[in-house]
Amino acid sequence: MPDMSCPEISILLAGDGRMRKLNRLYRGKDRTTDVLSFPQVAGGGRYDAFPCPLGDIVISLPQARRQAKEHGATFYEELARLLIHGLLHLLGYDHEKNAYQARKMRKLEQELFDGILKKR
C-alpha cells in the first residue's frame, strides 16, 4: 500500500516539439511553452490529504535555456523556477485567473525559490 502522506509528482523534460503538441492539445495554443502542469484531480485545488500521485509537470529544456539567458539566471536556477511554478499549479494556484491570484502566486514562487537558493 502506498504511503498517502507523501504526494508524488512525475516530471517530464521535453523538447519544444513535444511541448508545442501538448500546449496545442490541452490549452489550444499552437506554440511551445516553458512548463505545463496536469493535476491528478481535475482543476487542481487545495487538499487536506494529498492524492498520490499529485500530478504531472512537463518542462521544455530548450525554453528553459532561452529563459535562463533572458533572466540572467543559470540553467539550473531556471529549471528550479519552472518546477516551482508547475508544482504551484498542481496545488491549485492559477496566475491566469486574475491580478490578485497572479501576485499571490508570484510572491510564493519567489519565496520558495529564495528558500532553495539559501539551502545551496
PDB file of N, CA and C in Angstrom:
ATOM      1  N   MET A   1       0.843  -1.181   0.000  1.00  0.00           N
ATOM      2  CA  MET A   1       0.000   0.000   0.000  1.00  0.00           C
ATOM      3  C   MET A   1       0.889   1.246   0.000  1.00  0.00           C
ATOM      4  N   PRO A   2       0.656   2.206  -0.953  1.00  0.00           N
ATOM      5  CA  PRO A   2       1.489   3.412  -0.999  1.00  0.00           C
ATOM      6  C   PRO A   2       1.272   4.294   0.215  1.00  0.00           C
ATOM      7  N   ASP A   3       2.319   5.033   0.560  1.00  0.00           N
ATOM      8  CA  ASP A   3       2.263   5.982   1.673  1.00  0.00           C
ATOM      9  C   ASP A   3       1.514   7.227   1.208  1.00  0.00           C
ATOM     10  N   MET A   4       0.295   7.428   1.679  1.00  0.00           N
ATOM     11  CA  MET A   4      -0.539   8.533   1.227  1.00  0.00           C
ATOM     12  C   MET A   4      -0.150   9.864   1.871  1.00  0.00           C
ATOM     13  N   SER A   5       0.783   9.851   2.800  1.00  0.00           N
ATOM     14  CA  SER A   5       1.186  11.103   3.433  1.00  0.00           C
ATOM     15  C   SER A   5       2.220  11.842   2.599  1.00  0.00           C
ATOM     16  N   CYS A   6       2.719  11.224   1.555  1.00  0.00           N
ATOM     17  CA  CYS A   6       3.757  11.835   0.732  1.00  0.00           C
ATOM     18  C   CYS A   6       3.308  11.838  -0.725  1.00  0.00           C
ATOM     19  N   PRO A   7       2.842  13.002  -1.221  1.00  0.00           N
ATOM     20  CA  PRO A   7       2.360  13.045  -2.598  1.00  0.00           C
ATOM     21  C   PRO A   7       3.486  12.811  -3.595  1.00  0.00           C
ATOM     22  N   GLU A   8       3.129  12.285  -4.751  1.00  0.00           N
ATOM     23  CA  GLU A   8       4.081  12.025  -5.822  1.00  0.00           C
ATOM     24  C   GLU A   8       3.783  12.940  -6.991  1.00  0.00           C
ATOM     25  N   ILE A   9       4.834  13.318  -7.711  1.00  0.00           N
ATOM     26  CA  ILE A   9       4.670  14.019  -8.975  1.00  0.00           C
ATOM     27  C   ILE A   9       5.547  13.317  -9.993  1.00  0.00           C
ATOM     28  N   SER A  10       5.162  13.396 -11.241  1.00  0.00           N
ATOM     29  CA  SER A  10       6.046  12.938 -12.306  1.00  0.00           C
ATOM     30  C   SER A  10       6.511  14.173 -13.061  1.00  0.00           C
ATOM     31  N   ILE A  11       7.752  14.124 -13.519  1.00  0.00           N
ATOM     32  CA  ILE A  11       8.348  15.246 -14.237  1.00  0.00           C
ATOM     33  C   ILE A  11       8.862  14.730 -15.564  1.00  0.00           C
ATOM     34  N   LEU A  12       8.434  15.374 -16.642  1.00  0.00           N
ATOM     35  CA  LEU A  12       8.915  15.041 -17.977  1.00  0.00           C
ATOM     36  C   LEU A  12       9.694  16.239 -18.496  1.00  0.00           C
ATOM     37  N   LEU A  13      10.941  16.008 -18.889  1.00  0.00           N
ATOM     38  CA  LEU A  13      11.759  17.045 -19.506  1.00  0.00           C
ATOM     39  C   LEU A  13      11.655  16.824 -21.009  1.00  0.00           C
ATOM     40  N   ALA A  14      11.150  17.818 -21.728  1.00  0.00           N
ATOM     41  CA  ALA A  14      10.794  17.645 -23.130  1.00  0.00           C
ATOM     42  C   ALA A  14      11.468  18.687 -24.008  1.00  0.00           C
ATOM     43  N   GLY A  15      11.355  18.465 -25.309  1.00  0.00           N
ATOM     44  CA  GLY A  15      11.814  19.423 -26.298  1.00  0.00           C
ATOM     45  C   GLY A  15      10.673  20.332 -26.718  1.00  0.00           C
ATOM     46  N   ASP A  16      10.995  21.323 -27.536  1.00  0.00           N
ATOM     47  CA  ASP A  16       9.978  22.276 -27.977  1.00  0.00           C
ATOM     48  C   ASP A  16       8.856  21.619 -28.773  1.00  0.00           C
ATOM     49  N   GLY A  17       9.189  20.625 -29.581  1.00  0.00           N
ATOM     50  CA  GLY A  17       8.176  19.961 -30.396  1.00  0.00           C
ATOM     51  C   GLY A  17       7.104  19.294 -29.558  1.00  0.00           C
ATOM     52  N   ARG A  18       7.525  18.547 -28.558  1.00  0.00           N
ATOM     53  CA  ARG A  18       6.558  17.882 -27.687  1.00  0.00           C
ATOM     54  C   ARG A  18       5.754  18.913 -26.897  1.00  0.00           C
ATOM     55  N   MET A  19       6.424  19.965 -26.407  1.00  0.00           N
ATOM     56  CA  MET A  19       5.712  20.991 -25.642  1.00  0.00           C
ATOM     57  C   MET A  19       4.671  21.692 -26.516  1.00  0.00           C
ATOM     58  N   ARG A  20       5.020  21.943 -27.756  1.00  0.00           N
ATOM     59  CA  ARG A  20       4.062  22.594 -28.661  1.00  0.00           C
ATOM     60  C   ARG A  20       2.841  21.707 -28.867  1.00  0.00           C
ATOM     61  N   LYS A  21       3.074  20.416 -29.070  1.00  0.00           N
ATOM     62  CA  LYS A  21       1.952  19.484 -29.255  1.00  0.00           C
ATOM     63  C   LYS A  21       1.067  19.429 -28.016  1.00  0.00           C
ATOM     64  N   LEU A  22       1.683  19.328 -26.841  1.00  0.00           N
ATOM     65  CA  LEU A  22       0.911  19.274 -25.605  1.00  0.00           C
ATOM     66  C   LEU A  22       0.153  20.579 -25.363  1.00  0.00           C
ATOM     67  N   ASN A  23       0.799  21.702 -25.615  1.00  0.00           N
ATOM     68  CA  ASN A  23       0.174  23.004 -25.423  1.00  0.00           C
ATOM     69  C   ASN A  23      -1.017  23.171 -26.366  1.00  0.00           C
ATOM     70  N   ARG A  24      -0.863  22.692 -27.600  1.00  0.00           N
ATOM     71  CA  ARG A  24      -1.958  22.768 -28.579  1.00  0.00           C
ATOM     72  C   ARG A  24      -3.102  21.849 -28.162  1.00  0.00           C
ATOM     73  N   LEU A  25      -2.763  20.630 -27.760  1.00  0.00           N
ATOM     74  CA  LEU A  25      -3.776  19.637 -27.406  1.00  0.00           C
ATOM     75  C   LEU A  25      -4.565  20.017 -26.159  1.00  0.00           C
ATOM     76  N   TYR A  26      -3.871  20.476 -25.115  1.00  0.00           N
ATOM     77  CA  TYR A  26      -4.524  20.712 -23.828  1.00  0.00           C
ATOM     78  C   TYR A  26      -4.913  22.154 -23.559  1.00  0.00           C
ATOM     79  N   ARG A  27      -4.273  23.104 -24.255  1.00  0.00           N
ATOM     80  CA  ARG A  27      -4.588  24.513 -23.985  1.00  0.00           C
ATOM     81  C   ARG A  27      -5.044  25.262 -25.228  1.00  0.00           C
ATOM     82  N   GLY A  28      -5.001  24.600 -26.389  1.00  0.00           N
ATOM     83  CA  GLY A  28      -5.430  25.237 -27.625  1.00  0.00           C
ATOM     84  C   GLY A  28      -4.487  26.316 -28.114  1.00  0.00           C
ATOM     85  N   LYS A  29      -3.226  26.274 -27.662  1.00  0.00           N
ATOM     86  CA  LYS A  29      -2.234  27.279 -28.059  1.00  0.00           C
ATOM     87  C   LYS A  29      -1.150  26.592 -28.879  1.00  0.00           C
ATOM     88  N   ASP A  30      -1.043  26.962 -30.148  1.00  0.00           N
ATOM     89  CA  ASP A  30      -0.138  26.298 -31.081  1.00  0.00           C
ATOM     90  C   ASP A  30       1.260  26.923 -31.039  1.00  0.00           C
ATOM     91  N   ARG A  31       1.895  26.778 -29.898  1.00  0.00           N
ATOM     92  CA  ARG A  31       3.277  27.259 -29.718  1.00  0.00           C
ATOM     93  C   ARG A  31       3.879  26.517 -28.523  1.00  0.00           C
ATOM     94  N   THR A  32       5.192  26.548 -28.460  1.00  0.00           N
ATOM     95  CA  THR A  32       5.845  25.924 -27.315  1.00  0.00           C
ATOM     96  C   THR A  32       5.595  26.779 -26.074  1.00  0.00           C
ATOM     97  N   THR A  33       5.828  26.203 -24.937  1.00  0.00           N
ATOM     98  CA  THR A  33       5.722  26.923 -23.677  1.00  0.00           C
ATOM     99  C   THR A  33       6.788  26.378 -22.741  1.00  0.00           C
ATOM    100  N   ASP A  34       6.984  27.025 -21.611  1.00  0.00           N
ATOM    101  CA  ASP A  34       8.059  26.609 -20.719  1.00  0.00           C
ATOM    102  C   ASP A  34       7.674  25.455 -19.805  1.00  0.00           C
ATOM    103  N   VAL A  35       6.452  25.502 -19.246  1.00  0.00           N
ATOM    104  CA  VAL A  35       6.048  24.464 -18.288  1.00  0.00           C
ATOM    105  C   VAL A  35       4.547  24.234 -18.394  1.00  0.00           C
ATOM    106  N   LEU A  36       4.149  22.985 -18.284  1.00  0.00           N
ATOM    107  CA  LEU A  36       2.739  22.595 -18.231  1.00  0.00           C
ATOM    108  C   LEU A  36       2.542  21.716 -17.008  1.00  0.00           C
ATOM    109  N   SER A  37       1.383  21.860 -16.391  1.00  0.00           N
ATOM    110  CA  SER A  37       1.044  21.044 -15.221  1.00  0.00           C
ATOM    111  C   SER A  37      -0.275  20.342 -15.477  1.00  0.00           C
ATOM    112  N   PHE A  38      -0.326  19.090 -15.067  1.00  0.00           N
ATOM    113  CA  PHE A  38      -1.521  18.282 -15.234  1.00  0.00           C
ATOM    114  C   PHE A  38      -1.873  17.665 -13.883  1.00  0.00           C
ATOM    115  N   PRO A  39      -2.781  18.307 -13.139  1.00  0.00           N
ATOM    116  CA  PRO A  39      -3.136  17.773 -11.822  1.00  0.00           C
ATOM    117  C   PRO A  39      -3.879  16.445 -11.939  1.00  0.00           C
ATOM    118  N   GLN A  40      -3.642  15.574 -10.988  1.00  0.00           N
ATOM    119  CA  GLN A  40      -4.328  14.289 -10.944  1.00  0.00           C
ATOM    120  C   GLN A  40      -5.819  14.494 -10.698  1.00  0.00           C
ATOM    121  N   VAL A  41      -6.148  15.479  -9.855  1.00  0.00           N
ATOM    122  CA  VAL A  41      -7.533  15.816  -9.563  1.00  0.00           C
ATOM    123  C   VAL A  41      -7.898  16.990 -10.464  1.00  0.00           C
ATOM    124  N   ALA A  42      -8.965  16.837 -11.248  1.00  0.00           N
ATOM    125  CA  ALA A  42      -9.360  17.869 -12.204  1.00  0.00           C
ATOM    126  C   ALA A  42      -9.472  19.231 -11.529  1.00  0.00           C
ATOM    127  N   GLY A  43      -8.835  20.235 -12.150  1.00  0.00           N
ATOM    128  CA  GLY A  43      -8.914  21.593 -11.637  1.00  0.00           C
ATOM    129  C   GLY A  43      -7.926  21.915 -10.539  1.00  0.00           C
ATOM    130  N   GLY A  44      -7.066  20.968 -10.165  1.00  0.00           N
ATOM    131  CA  GLY A  44      -6.122  21.230  -9.077  1.00  0.00           C
ATOM    132  C   GLY A  44      -6.881  21.422  -7.783  1.00  0.00           C
ATOM    133  N   GLY A  45      -6.369  22.207  -6.908  1.00  0.00           N
ATOM    134  CA  GLY A  45      -7.096  22.503  -5.680  1.00  0.00           C
ATOM    135  C   GLY A  45      -6.266  22.224  -4.458  1.00  0.00           C
ATOM    136  N   ARG A  46      -6.711  22.731  -3.351  1.00  0.00           N
ATOM    137  CA  ARG A  46      -6.030  22.502  -2.089  1.00  0.00           C
ATOM    138  C   ARG A  46      -6.579  21.226  -1.482  1.00  0.00           C
ATOM    139  N   TYR A  47      -5.735  20.503  -0.814  1.00  0.00           N
ATOM    140  CA  TYR A  47      -6.127  19.205  -0.282  1.00  0.00           C
ATOM    141  C   TYR A  47      -5.817  19.117   1.204  1.00  0.00           C
ATOM    142  N   ASP A  48      -6.696  18.511   1.944  1.00  0.00           N
ATOM    143  CA  ASP A  48      -6.393  18.164   3.332  1.00  0.00           C
ATOM    144  C   ASP A  48      -5.497  16.934   3.334  1.00  0.00           C
ATOM    145  N   ALA A  49      -5.805  16.010   2.462  1.00  0.00           N
ATOM    146  CA  ALA A  49      -4.982  14.809   2.274  1.00  0.00           C
ATOM    147  C   ALA A  49      -4.624  14.766   0.797  1.00  0.00           C
ATOM    148  N   PHE A  50      -3.350  14.915   0.491  1.00  0.00           N
ATOM    149  CA  PHE A  50      -2.915  14.953  -0.901  1.00  0.00           C
ATOM    150  C   PHE A  50      -3.161  13.619  -1.585  1.00  0.00           C
ATOM    151  N   PRO A  51      -3.613  13.679  -2.839  1.00  0.00           N
ATOM    152  CA  PRO A  51      -3.728  12.436  -3.593  1.00  0.00           C
ATOM    153  C   PRO A  51      -2.338  11.956  -3.999  1.00  0.00           C
ATOM    154  N   CYS A  52      -2.193  10.690  -4.182  1.00  0.00           N
ATOM    155  CA  CYS A  52      -0.962  10.129  -4.722  1.00  0.00           C
ATOM    156  C   CYS A  52      -1.314   9.454  -6.025  1.00  0.00           C
ATOM    157  N   PRO A  53      -0.829   9.856  -7.157  1.00  0.00           N
ATOM    158  CA  PRO A  53       0.091  10.975  -7.379  1.00  0.00           C
ATOM    159  C   PRO A  53      -0.637  12.319  -7.429  1.00  0.00           C
ATOM    160  N   LEU A  54       0.119  13.372  -7.192  1.00  0.00           N
ATOM    161  CA  LEU A  54      -0.414  14.727  -7.213  1.00  0.00           C
ATOM    162  C   LEU A  54      -0.669  15.181  -8.653  1.00  0.00           C
ATOM    163  N   GLY A  55       0.232  14.805  -9.555  1.00  0.00           N
ATOM    164  CA  GLY A  55       0.061  15.153 -10.965  1.00  0.00           C
ATOM    165  C   GLY A  55       1.373  15.113 -11.713  1.00  0.00           C
ATOM    166  N   ASP A  56       1.349  15.687 -12.914  1.00  0.00           N
ATOM    167  CA  ASP A  56       2.489  15.662 -13.822  1.00  0.00           C
ATOM    168  C   ASP A  56       2.926  17.083 -14.158  1.00  0.00           C
ATOM    169  N   ILE A  57       4.229  17.258 -14.283  1.00  0.00           N
ATOM    170  CA  ILE A  57       4.807  18.529 -14.705  1.00  0.00           C
ATOM    171  C   ILE A  57       5.690  18.240 -15.916  1.00  0.00           C
ATOM    172  N   VAL A  58       5.507  19.031 -16.974  1.00  0.00           N
ATOM    173  CA  VAL A  58       6.324  18.903 -18.183  1.00  0.00           C
ATOM    174  C   VAL A  58       7.078  20.214 -18.361  1.00  0.00           C
ATOM    175  N   ILE A  59       8.390  20.120 -18.518  1.00  0.00           N
ATOM    176  CA  ILE A  59       9.240  21.309 -18.677  1.00  0.00           C
ATOM    177  C   ILE A  59       9.985  21.210 -19.999  1.00  0.00           C
ATOM    178  N   SER A  60       9.975  22.292 -20.763  1.00  0.00           N
ATOM    179  CA  SER A  60      10.731  22.363 -22.012  1.00  0.00           C
ATOM    180  C   SER A  60      12.170  22.762 -21.710  1.00  0.00           C
ATOM    181  N   LEU A  61      13.096  21.863 -21.979  1.00  0.00           N
ATOM    182  CA  LEU A  61      14.506  22.183 -21.738  1.00  0.00           C
ATOM    183  C   LEU A  61      15.015  23.306 -22.640  1.00  0.00           C
ATOM    184  N   PRO A  62      14.703  23.289 -23.958  1.00  0.00           N
ATOM    185  CA  PRO A  62      15.171  24.410 -24.785  1.00  0.00           C
ATOM    186  C   PRO A  62      14.609  25.762 -24.330  1.00  0.00           C
ATOM    187  N   GLN A  63      13.339  25.790 -23.934  1.00  0.00           N
ATOM    188  CA  GLN A  63      12.738  27.037 -23.465  1.00  0.00           C
ATOM    189  C   GLN A  63      13.373  27.476 -22.144  1.00  0.00           C
ATOM    190  N   ALA A  64      13.674  26.519 -21.283  1.00  0.00           N
ATOM    191  CA  ALA A  64      14.344  26.842 -20.019  1.00  0.00           C
ATOM    192  C   ALA A  64      15.714  27.466 -20.289  1.00  0.00           C
ATOM    193  N   ARG A  65      16.442  26.929 -21.264  1.00  0.00           N
ATOM    194  CA  ARG A  65      17.749  27.505 -21.617  1.00  0.00           C
ATOM    195  C   ARG A  65      17.605  28.941 -22.113  1.00  0.00           C
ATOM    196  N   ARG A  66      16.629  29.156 -22.997  1.00  0.00           N
ATOM    197  CA  ARG A  66      16.413  30.508 -23.533  1.00  0.00           C
ATOM    198  C   ARG A  66      16.031  31.478 -22.418  1.00  0.00           C
ATOM    199  N   GLN A  67      15.127  31.066 -21.555  1.00  0.00           N
ATOM    200  CA  GLN A  67      14.668  31.954 -20.479  1.00  0.00           C
ATOM    201  C   GLN A  67      15.770  32.217 -19.457  1.00  0.00           C
ATOM    202  N   ALA A  68      16.623  31.241 -19.215  1.00  0.00           N
ATOM    203  CA  ALA A  68      17.736  31.462 -18.288  1.00  0.00           C
ATOM    204  C   ALA A  68      18.604  32.610 -18.799  1.00  0.00           C
ATOM    205  N   LYS A  69      18.889  32.602 -20.092  1.00  0.00           N
ATOM    206  CA  LYS A  69      19.689  33.685 -20.679  1.00  0.00           C
ATOM    207  C   LYS A  69      18.963  35.018 -20.562  1.00  0.00           C
ATOM    208  N   GLU A  70      17.650  35.012 -20.860  1.00  0.00           N
ATOM    209  CA  GLU A  70      16.856  36.247 -20.787  1.00  0.00           C
ATOM    210  C   GLU A  70      16.805  36.812 -19.365  1.00  0.00           C
ATOM    211  N   HIS A  71      16.724  35.922 -18.368  1.00  0.00           N
ATOM    212  CA  HIS A  71      16.587  36.345 -16.972  1.00  0.00           C
ATOM    213  C   HIS A  71      17.936  36.536 -16.270  1.00  0.00           C
ATOM    214  N   GLY A  72      19.031  36.236 -16.966  1.00  0.00           N
ATOM    215  CA  GLY A  72      20.341  36.338 -16.332  1.00  0.00           C
ATOM    216  C   GLY A  72      20.534  35.302 -15.237  1.00  0.00           C
ATOM    217  N   ALA A  73      19.915  34.149 -15.413  1.00  0.00           N
ATOM    218  CA  ALA A  73      19.986  33.067 -14.423  1.00  0.00           C
ATOM    219  C   ALA A  73      20.753  31.893 -15.004  1.00  0.00           C
ATOM    220  N   THR A  74      21.139  30.979 -14.137  1.00  0.00           N
ATOM    221  CA  THR A  74      21.735  29.749 -14.638  1.00  0.00           C
ATOM    222  C   THR A  74      20.612  28.840 -15.140  1.00  0.00           C
ATOM    223  N   PHE A  75      20.985  27.874 -15.946  1.00  0.00           N
ATOM    224  CA  PHE A  75      20.019  26.906 -16.459  1.00  0.00           C
ATOM    225  C   PHE A  75      19.329  26.183 -15.304  1.00  0.00           C
ATOM    226  N   TYR A  76      20.093  25.803 -14.281  1.00  0.00           N
ATOM    227  CA  TYR A  76      19.519  25.059 -13.151  1.00  0.00           C
ATOM    228  C   TYR A  76      18.608  25.935 -12.297  1.00  0.00           C
ATOM    229  N   GLU A  77      18.922  27.217 -12.188  1.00  0.00           N
ATOM    230  CA  GLU A  77      18.021  28.130 -11.480  1.00  0.00           C
ATOM    231  C   GLU A  77      16.690  28.242 -12.224  1.00  0.00           C
ATOM    232  N   GLU A  78      16.770  28.330 -13.538  1.00  0.00           N
ATOM    233  CA  GLU A  78      15.538  28.415 -14.322  1.00  0.00           C
ATOM    234  C   GLU A  78      14.732  27.123 -14.226  1.00  0.00           C
ATOM    235  N   LEU A  79      15.403  25.977 -14.245  1.00  0.00           N
ATOM    236  CA  LEU A  79      14.690  24.707 -14.054  1.00  0.00           C
ATOM    237  C   LEU A  79      13.979  24.686 -12.700  1.00  0.00           C
ATOM    238  N   ALA A  80      14.649  25.155 -11.665  1.00  0.00           N
ATOM    239  CA  ALA A  80      14.039  25.198 -10.334  1.00  0.00           C
ATOM    240  C   ALA A  80      12.827  26.113 -10.338  1.00  0.00           C
ATOM    241  N   ARG A  81      12.936  27.264 -10.970  1.00  0.00           N
ATOM    242  CA  ARG A  81      11.821  28.207 -11.041  1.00  0.00           C
ATOM    243  C   ARG A  81      10.630  27.583 -11.765  1.00  0.00           C
ATOM    244  N   LEU A  82      10.888  26.890 -12.864  1.00  0.00           N
ATOM    245  CA  LEU A  82       9.803  26.263 -13.625  1.00  0.00           C
ATOM    246  C   LEU A  82       9.171  25.112 -12.851  1.00  0.00           C
ATOM    247  N   LEU A  83       9.990  24.361 -12.140  1.00  0.00           N
ATOM    248  CA  LEU A  83       9.456  23.265 -11.328  1.00  0.00           C
ATOM    249  C   LEU A  83       8.557  23.815 -10.215  1.00  0.00           C
ATOM    250  N   ILE A  84       8.985  24.875  -9.562  1.00  0.00           N
ATOM    251  CA  ILE A  84       8.174  25.515  -8.523  1.00  0.00           C
ATOM    252  C   ILE A  84       6.854  26.013  -9.129  1.00  0.00           C
ATOM    253  N   HIS A  85       6.940  26.659 -10.271  1.00  0.00           N
ATOM    254  CA  HIS A  85       5.752  27.182 -10.945  1.00  0.00           C
ATOM    255  C   HIS A  85       4.771  26.045 -11.259  1.00  0.00           C
ATOM    256  N   GLY A  86       5.294  24.961 -11.818  1.00  0.00           N
ATOM    257  CA  GLY A  86       4.447  23.819 -12.148  1.00  0.00           C
ATOM    258  C   GLY A  86       3.828  23.189 -10.910  1.00  0.00           C
ATOM    259  N   LEU A  87       4.600  23.078  -9.852  1.00  0.00           N
ATOM    260  CA  LEU A  87       4.100  22.488  -8.609  1.00  0.00           C
ATOM    261  C   LEU A  87       2.983  23.340  -8.008  1.00  0.00           C
ATOM    262  N   LEU A  88       3.141  24.655  -8.037  1.00  0.00           N
ATOM    263  CA  LEU A  88       2.088  25.526  -7.519  1.00  0.00           C
ATOM    264  C   LEU A  88       0.795  25.360  -8.314  1.00  0.00           C
ATOM    265  N   HIS A  89       0.919  25.180  -9.621  1.00  0.00           N
ATOM    266  CA  HIS A  89      -0.283  24.899 -10.415  1.00  0.00           C
ATOM    267  C   HIS A  89      -0.939  23.595  -9.966  1.00  0.00           C
ATOM    268  N   LEU A  90      -0.133  22.567  -9.693  1.00  0.00           N
ATOM    269  CA  LEU A  90      -0.700  21.295  -9.219  1.00  0.00           C
ATOM    270  C   LEU A  90      -1.432  21.469  -7.894  1.00  0.00           C
ATOM    271  N   LEU A  91      -0.991  22.442  -7.111  1.00  0.00           N
ATOM    272  CA  LEU A  91      -1.611  22.695  -5.806  1.00  0.00           C
ATOM    273  C   LEU A  91      -2.807  23.638  -5.892  1.00  0.00           C
ATOM    274  N   GLY A  92      -3.150  24.051  -7.116  1.00  0.00           N
ATOM    275  CA  GLY A  92      -4.357  24.846  -7.305  1.00  0.00           C
ATOM    276  C   GLY A  92      -4.152  26.330  -7.512  1.00  0.00           C
ATOM    277  N   TYR A  93      -2.918  26.808  -7.499  1.00  0.00           N
ATOM    278  CA  TYR A  93      -2.665  28.225  -7.764  1.00  0.00           C
ATOM    279  C   TYR A  93      -2.805  28.477  -9.260  1.00  0.00           C
ATOM    280  N   ASP A  94      -3.369  29.635  -9.624  1.00  0.00           N
ATOM    281  CA  ASP A  94      -3.577  29.939 -11.042  1.00  0.00           C
ATOM    282  C   ASP A  94      -3.393  31.430 -11.286  1.00  0.00           C
ATOM    283  N   HIS A  95      -2.268  31.788 -11.875  1.00  0.00           N
ATOM    284  CA  HIS A  95      -1.944  33.187 -12.150  1.00  0.00           C
ATOM    285  C   HIS A  95      -2.779  33.764 -13.286  1.00  0.00           C
ATOM    286  N   GLU A  96      -3.505  32.920 -14.013  1.00  0.00           N
ATOM    287  CA  GLU A  96      -4.304  33.408 -15.134  1.00  0.00           C
ATOM    288  C   GLU A  96      -5.730  33.785 -14.724  1.00  0.00           C
ATOM    289  N   LYS A  97      -6.109  33.518 -13.477  1.00  0.00           N
ATOM    290  CA  LYS A  97      -7.467  33.852 -13.006  1.00  0.00           C
ATOM    291  C   LYS A  97      -7.684  35.351 -12.921  1.00  0.00           C
ATOM    292  N   ASN A  98      -6.784  36.034 -12.211  1.00  0.00           N
ATOM    293  CA  ASN A  98      -6.910  37.483 -12.031  1.00  0.00           C
ATOM    294  C   ASN A  98      -5.592  38.031 -11.486  1.00  0.00           C
ATOM    295  N   ALA A  99      -5.508  39.354 -11.397  1.00  0.00           N
ATOM    296  CA  ALA A  99      -4.269  40.007 -10.970  1.00  0.00           C
ATOM    297  C   ALA A  99      -3.902  39.636  -9.533  1.00  0.00           C
ATOM    298  N   TYR A 100      -4.902  39.518  -8.657  1.00  0.00           N
ATOM    299  CA  TYR A 100      -4.625  39.150  -7.268  1.00  0.00           C
ATOM    300  C   TYR A 100      -3.986  37.764  -7.193  1.00  0.00           C
ATOM    301  N   GLN A 101      -4.569  36.802  -7.889  1.00  0.00           N
ATOM    302  CA  GLN A 101      -4.026  35.436  -7.886  1.00  0.00           C
ATOM    303  C   GLN A 101      -2.624  35.405  -8.505  1.00  0.00           C
ATOM    304  N   ALA A 102      -2.400  36.220  -9.535  1.00  0.00           N
ATOM    305  CA  ALA A 102      -1.082  36.290 -10.171  1.00  0.00           C
ATOM    306  C   ALA A 102      -0.038  36.807  -9.184  1.00  0.00           C
ATOM    307  N   ARG A 103      -0.366  37.877  -8.442  1.00  0.00           N
ATOM    308  CA  ARG A 103       0.574  38.419  -7.448  1.00  0.00           C
ATOM    309  C   ARG A 103       0.834  37.403  -6.338  1.00  0.00           C
ATOM    310  N   LYS A 104      -0.214  36.768  -5.882  1.00  0.00           N
ATOM    311  CA  LYS A 104      -0.095  35.778  -4.817  1.00  0.00           C
ATOM    312  C   LYS A 104       0.816  34.613  -5.250  1.00  0.00           C
ATOM    313  N   MET A 105       0.608  34.128  -6.459  1.00  0.00           N
ATOM    314  CA  MET A 105       1.418  33.012  -6.953  1.00  0.00           C
ATOM    315  C   MET A 105       2.867  33.450  -7.165  1.00  0.00           C
ATOM    316  N   ARG A 106       3.063  34.628  -7.740  1.00  0.00           N
ATOM    317  CA  ARG A 106       4.416  35.137  -7.993  1.00  0.00           C
ATOM    318  C   ARG A 106       5.189  35.301  -6.681  1.00  0.00           C
ATOM    319  N   LYS A 107       4.514  35.809  -5.636  1.00  0.00           N
ATOM    320  CA  LYS A 107       5.147  36.000  -4.323  1.00  0.00           C
ATOM    321  C   LYS A 107       5.565  34.659  -3.729  1.00  0.00           C
ATOM    322  N   LEU A 108       4.684  33.682  -3.783  1.00  0.00           N
ATOM    323  CA  LEU A 108       5.007  32.357  -3.250  1.00  0.00           C
ATOM    324  C   LEU A 108       6.122  31.696  -4.046  1.00  0.00           C
ATOM    325  N   GLU A 109       6.084  31.842  -5.369  1.00  0.00           N
ATOM    326  CA  GLU A 109       7.168  31.320  -6.217  1.00  0.00           C
ATOM    327  C   GLU A 109       8.509  31.878  -5.765  1.00  0.00           C
ATOM    328  N   GLN A 110       8.559  33.193  -5.562  1.00  0.00           N
ATOM    329  CA  GLN A 110       9.818  33.838  -5.174  1.00  0.00           C
ATOM    330  C   GLN A 110      10.282  33.365  -3.804  1.00  0.00           C
ATOM    331  N   GLU A 111       9.353  33.243  -2.860  1.00  0.00           N
ATOM    332  CA  GLU A 111       9.710  32.770  -1.521  1.00  0.00           C
ATOM    333  C   GLU A 111      10.287  31.350  -1.576  1.00  0.00           C
ATOM    334  N   LEU A 112       9.663  30.492  -2.338  1.00  0.00           N
ATOM    335  CA  LEU A 112      10.165  29.114  -2.458  1.00  0.00           C
ATOM    336  C   LEU A 112      11.510  29.087  -3.162  1.00  0.00           C
ATOM    337  N   PHE A 113      11.645  29.864  -4.230  1.00  0.00           N
ATOM    338  CA  PHE A 113      12.904  29.925  -4.965  1.00  0.00           C
ATOM    339  C   PHE A 113      14.023  30.444  -4.070  1.00  0.00           C
ATOM    340  N   ASP A 114      13.748  31.511  -3.320  1.00  0.00           N
ATOM    341  CA  ASP A 114      14.749  32.066  -2.409  1.00  0.00           C
ATOM    342  C   ASP A 114      15.134  31.029  -1.342  1.00  0.00           C
ATOM    343  N   GLY A 115      14.171  30.260  -0.864  1.00  0.00           N
ATOM    344  CA  GLY A 115      14.441  29.212   0.111  1.00  0.00           C
ATOM    345  C   GLY A 115      15.356  28.142  -0.443  1.00  0.00           C
ATOM    346  N   ILE A 116      15.179  27.803  -1.704  1.00  0.00           N
ATOM    347  CA  ILE A 116      16.041  26.806  -2.344  1.00  0.00           C
ATOM    348  C   ILE A 116      17.467  27.348  -2.474  1.00  0.00           C
ATOM    349  N   LEU A 117      17.590  28.595  -2.898  1.00  0.00           N
ATOM    350  CA  LEU A 117      18.924  29.176  -3.072  1.00  0.00           C
ATOM    351  C   LEU A 117      19.690  29.273  -1.754  1.00  0.00           C
ATOM    352  N   LYS A 118      18.979  29.563  -0.664  1.00  0.00           N
ATOM    353  CA  LYS A 118      19.646  29.653   0.649  1.00  0.00           C
ATOM    354  C   LYS A 118      20.184  28.318   1.110  1.00  0.00           C
ATOM    355  N   LYS A 119      19.560  27.241   0.651  1.00  0.00           N
ATOM    356  CA  LYS A 119      19.985  25.890   1.058  1.00  0.00           C
ATOM    357  C   LYS A 119      21.268  25.462   0.352  1.00  0.00           C
ATOM    358  N   ARG A 120      21.641  26.151  -0.718  1.00  0.00           N
ATOM    359  CA  ARG A 120      22.799  25.742  -1.519  1.00  0.00           C
ATOM    360  C   ARG A 120      24.096  26.090  -0.882  1.00  0.00           C
TER     361      ARG A 120
END
